[in-house]
Amino acid sequence: MTEELYLETERLVGRAPEESMAALVLDFYTRNRDFLEPYEPERAPEFYTLEEQSRLLRQARIDREEGRGYSFWLFRKGEPERAIGYIALNNIVRGAFQSCFLGCKMDGSEINKGYMTEAVKACAAFAFGTLGLHRIEGNIMPRNRRSLRVAEKCGFREEGLARAYLRIHGVWEDHIHMVRLADDPV
């Protein structure tokens, strides 16, 4: 699947990563460094360079071409010069599993406006429709109430607690395991 991919919602366009977006992506991470820090792995200084963002965008394209992952940088319609979020379907497993992991992040100045709910709904439709997946898994830290609420509004259900699941900002954090199946009601 190498054709140009995008997501569209009422207010957003999600563009598949391309290396030409490196400056836009670096701008997003630079603007949101402090906001995202409590929710993400520790970042080496080189993460905040054009070279590293170009490399990561190349890898995202390769993952898409090989069917391992599909990601989208989010922009308000009519504002293609400023990324306000990111959403991804990662670690796609086919065969009897037909599952993936959902990851997302939003610009700190754009939270609580419903953008991520729109994006998750569109991404789930893409996963279940275009990709034919059966299951989307999301793992969210219990203290991240906003993300838990988005998942719930988008039809995800809690399946339990994954103890010390991911190393976030230098600490092994518990995560609530949230899941949505293709035939779950929203």
Protein backbone atom coordinates (compact mmCIF):
# COMPACT_ATOMS: atom_id res chain seq x y z
CA MET A 1 0.00 0.00 0.00
CA THR A 2 2.16 2.87 -1.26
CA GLU A 3 -0.47 5.29 -2.64
CA GLU A 4 -0.86 8.61 -0.87
CA LEU A 5 -2.81 8.11 2.32
CA TYR A 6 -4.67 10.60 4.43
CA LEU A 7 -7.42 10.77 7.02
CA GLU A 8 -10.13 13.38 6.96
CA THR A 9 -12.57 14.47 9.63
CA GLU A 10 -14.93 17.42 9.88
CA ARG A 11 -12.11 19.75 10.98
CA LEU A 12 -8.87 17.84 10.36
CA VAL A 13 -6.71 16.33 7.67
CA GLY A 14 -4.25 13.60 8.62
CA ARG A 15 -1.31 13.33 6.23
CA ALA A 16 0.87 10.23 6.01
CA PRO A 17 4.46 11.06 7.01
CA GLU A 18 6.94 11.94 4.29
CA GLU A 19 10.49 13.12 4.70
CA SER A 20 9.53 16.54 3.30
CA MET A 21 7.54 17.14 6.52
CA ALA A 22 10.63 17.13 8.77
CA ALA A 23 10.53 20.86 9.54
CA LEU A 24 6.80 20.72 10.38
CA VAL A 25 7.30 17.73 12.65
CA LEU A 26 10.32 19.27 14.36
CA ASP A 27 8.28 22.43 14.95
CA PHE A 28 5.51 20.33 16.57
CA TYR A 29 7.96 18.60 18.92
CA THR A 30 9.79 21.81 19.76
CA ARG A 31 6.55 23.66 20.60
CA ASN A 32 5.30 20.73 22.68
CA ARG A 33 8.48 19.49 24.32
CA ASP A 34 7.46 20.38 27.89
CA PHE A 35 3.83 19.38 27.39
CA LEU A 36 4.63 15.91 26.01
CA GLU A 37 7.58 15.12 28.30
CA PRO A 38 5.52 13.48 31.12
CA TYR A 39 3.82 11.12 28.63
CA GLU A 40 6.68 9.97 26.41
CA PRO A 41 9.97 8.07 26.62
CA GLU A 42 13.04 10.13 27.39
CA ARG A 43 14.30 11.82 24.23
CA ALA A 44 17.97 12.18 23.33
CA PRO A 45 19.01 15.69 22.24
CA GLU A 46 19.33 14.55 18.61
CA PHE A 47 15.58 13.78 18.56
CA TYR A 48 15.10 17.54 18.27
CA THR A 49 17.01 17.85 14.99
CA LEU A 50 15.92 17.92 11.35
CA GLU A 51 18.21 14.97 10.61
CA GLU A 52 16.56 12.73 13.21
CA GLN A 53 13.05 13.75 12.24
CA SER A 54 13.89 13.05 8.58
CA ARG A 55 15.16 9.60 9.57
CA LEU A 56 12.01 8.86 11.59
CA LEU A 57 9.79 10.02 8.74
CA ARG A 58 11.68 7.74 6.31
CA GLN A 59 11.15 4.84 8.72
CA ALA A 60 7.43 5.65 8.95
CA ARG A 61 7.22 5.48 5.14
CA ILE A 62 9.01 2.12 5.12
CA ASP A 63 6.70 0.79 7.85
CA ARG A 64 3.70 1.91 5.79
CA GLU A 65 5.05 0.36 2.57
CA GLU A 66 5.69 -2.92 4.40
CA GLY A 67 2.30 -2.89 6.16
CA ARG A 68 3.75 -2.72 9.70
CA GLY A 69 2.33 0.66 10.65
CA TYR A 70 0.31 3.59 9.39
CA SER A 71 0.66 7.03 10.89
CA PHE A 72 -0.74 10.47 10.18
CA TRP A 73 0.27 13.98 11.15
CA LEU A 74 -2.82 16.02 11.94
CA PHE A 75 -3.55 19.49 10.59
CA ARG A 76 -6.58 21.74 10.89
CA LYS A 77 -8.24 22.02 7.47
CA GLY A 78 -6.83 25.00 5.62
CA GLU A 79 -3.72 25.15 7.85
CA PRO A 80 -1.21 22.75 6.23
CA GLU A 81 1.80 24.59 7.65
CA ARG A 82 1.24 23.70 11.34
CA ALA A 83 0.93 20.14 12.63
CA ILE A 84 -1.32 19.97 15.69
CA GLY A 85 -1.22 16.24 16.39
CA TYR A 86 -0.21 12.75 15.43
CA ILE A 87 -1.96 9.39 15.35
CA ALA A 88 -0.61 5.96 14.46
CA LEU A 89 -1.49 2.31 14.12
CA ASN A 90 1.72 0.53 15.13
CA ASN A 91 3.00 -3.04 15.30
CA ILE A 92 0.36 -4.45 12.98
CA VAL A 93 0.13 -8.22 13.27
CA ARG A 94 -1.77 -10.14 10.62
CA GLY A 95 -2.64 -13.86 10.52
CA ALA A 96 -5.09 -15.01 13.16
CA PHE A 97 -4.51 -11.86 15.26
CA GLN A 98 -5.33 -8.95 12.86
CA SER A 99 -4.44 -6.38 15.52
CA CYS A 100 -2.41 -3.24 16.14
CA PHE A 101 -1.57 -0.65 18.78
CA LEU A 102 -2.91 2.90 18.67
CA GLY A 103 -0.69 5.82 19.60
CA CYS A 104 -1.52 9.50 19.51
CA LYS A 105 -0.46 12.93 20.73
CA MET A 106 -1.92 16.40 20.52
CA ASP A 107 -0.47 19.89 20.62
CA GLY A 108 -0.81 21.19 24.18
CA SER A 109 -2.55 24.34 22.94
CA GLU A 110 -5.18 22.28 21.08
CA ILE A 111 -6.37 19.90 23.80
CA ASN A 112 -9.99 19.75 24.95
CA LYS A 113 -11.33 20.80 21.54
CA GLY A 114 -12.42 17.34 20.35
CA TYR A 115 -9.73 17.04 17.69
CA MET A 116 -8.28 13.80 19.02
CA THR A 117 -11.71 12.20 19.33
CA GLU A 118 -12.29 13.00 15.64
CA ALA A 119 -8.88 11.62 14.72
CA VAL A 120 -9.25 8.39 16.70
CA LYS A 121 -12.66 7.71 15.16
CA ALA A 122 -11.28 8.29 11.65
CA CYS A 123 -8.20 6.17 12.35
CA ALA A 124 -10.35 3.33 13.71
CA ALA A 125 -12.52 3.46 10.57
CA PHE A 126 -9.33 3.24 8.49
CA ALA A 127 -8.03 0.31 10.57
CA PHE A 128 -11.25 -1.68 10.42
CA GLY A 129 -12.25 -0.71 6.89
CA THR A 130 -9.22 -0.12 4.67
CA LEU A 131 -6.81 -2.36 6.59
CA GLY A 132 -9.35 -5.02 7.59
CA LEU A 133 -8.07 -5.29 11.15
CA HIS A 134 -10.11 -6.92 13.91
CA ARG A 135 -8.64 -5.29 17.03
CA ILE A 136 -7.03 -2.01 18.09
CA GLU A 137 -5.23 -1.86 21.41
CA GLY A 138 -4.33 1.28 23.29
CA ASN A 139 -2.38 1.50 26.51
CA ILE A 140 -2.84 4.63 28.58
CA MET A 141 -1.32 5.73 31.88
CA PRO A 142 -4.01 5.95 34.59
CA ARG A 143 -3.09 9.59 35.26
CA ASN A 144 -3.75 10.52 31.62
CA ARG A 145 -7.46 11.14 32.14
CA ARG A 146 -7.89 13.08 28.87
CA SER A 147 -6.63 10.17 26.76
CA LEU A 148 -8.73 7.68 28.70
CA ARG A 149 -11.81 9.80 28.05
CA VAL A 150 -11.03 10.00 24.32
CA ALA A 151 -10.64 6.22 24.16
CA GLU A 152 -13.96 5.70 25.95
CA LYS A 153 -15.77 8.15 23.63
CA CYS A 154 -14.36 6.22 20.66
CA GLY A 155 -15.68 2.84 21.81
CA PHE A 156 -12.58 1.42 23.54
CA ARG A 157 -13.16 -0.75 26.60
CA GLU A 158 -10.85 -1.41 29.49
CA GLU A 159 -9.38 -4.91 29.59
CA GLY A 160 -7.13 -4.53 32.60
CA LEU A 161 -3.97 -3.01 34.00
CA ALA A 162 -0.56 -3.66 32.49
CA ARG A 163 1.88 -3.17 35.37
CA ALA A 164 5.17 -1.38 34.65
CA TYR A 165 4.25 -1.52 30.96
CA LEU A 166 6.34 1.25 29.40
CA ARG A 167 9.31 3.31 30.47
CA ILE A 168 7.98 6.85 30.31
CA HIS A 169 10.29 9.75 31.05
CA GLY A 170 12.64 7.40 32.89
CA VAL A 171 10.03 5.59 35.02
CA TRP A 172 8.28 2.26 34.43
CA GLU A 173 4.62 3.28 34.28
CA ASP A 174 1.49 1.17 34.67
CA HIS A 175 -0.96 1.46 31.75
CA ILE A 176 -4.64 0.72 31.41
CA HIS A 177 -5.16 -1.67 28.51
CA MET A 178 -7.97 -0.35 26.30
CA VAL A 179 -9.32 -2.30 23.32
CA ARG A 180 -11.80 -1.79 20.52
CA LEU A 181 -12.94 -4.57 18.22
CA ALA A 182 -14.16 -4.05 14.66
CA ASP A 183 -17.74 -4.89 15.57
CA ASP A 184 -17.88 -2.93 18.86
CA PRO A 185 -20.47 -0.16 18.94
CA VAL A 186 -19.19 3.39 19.38
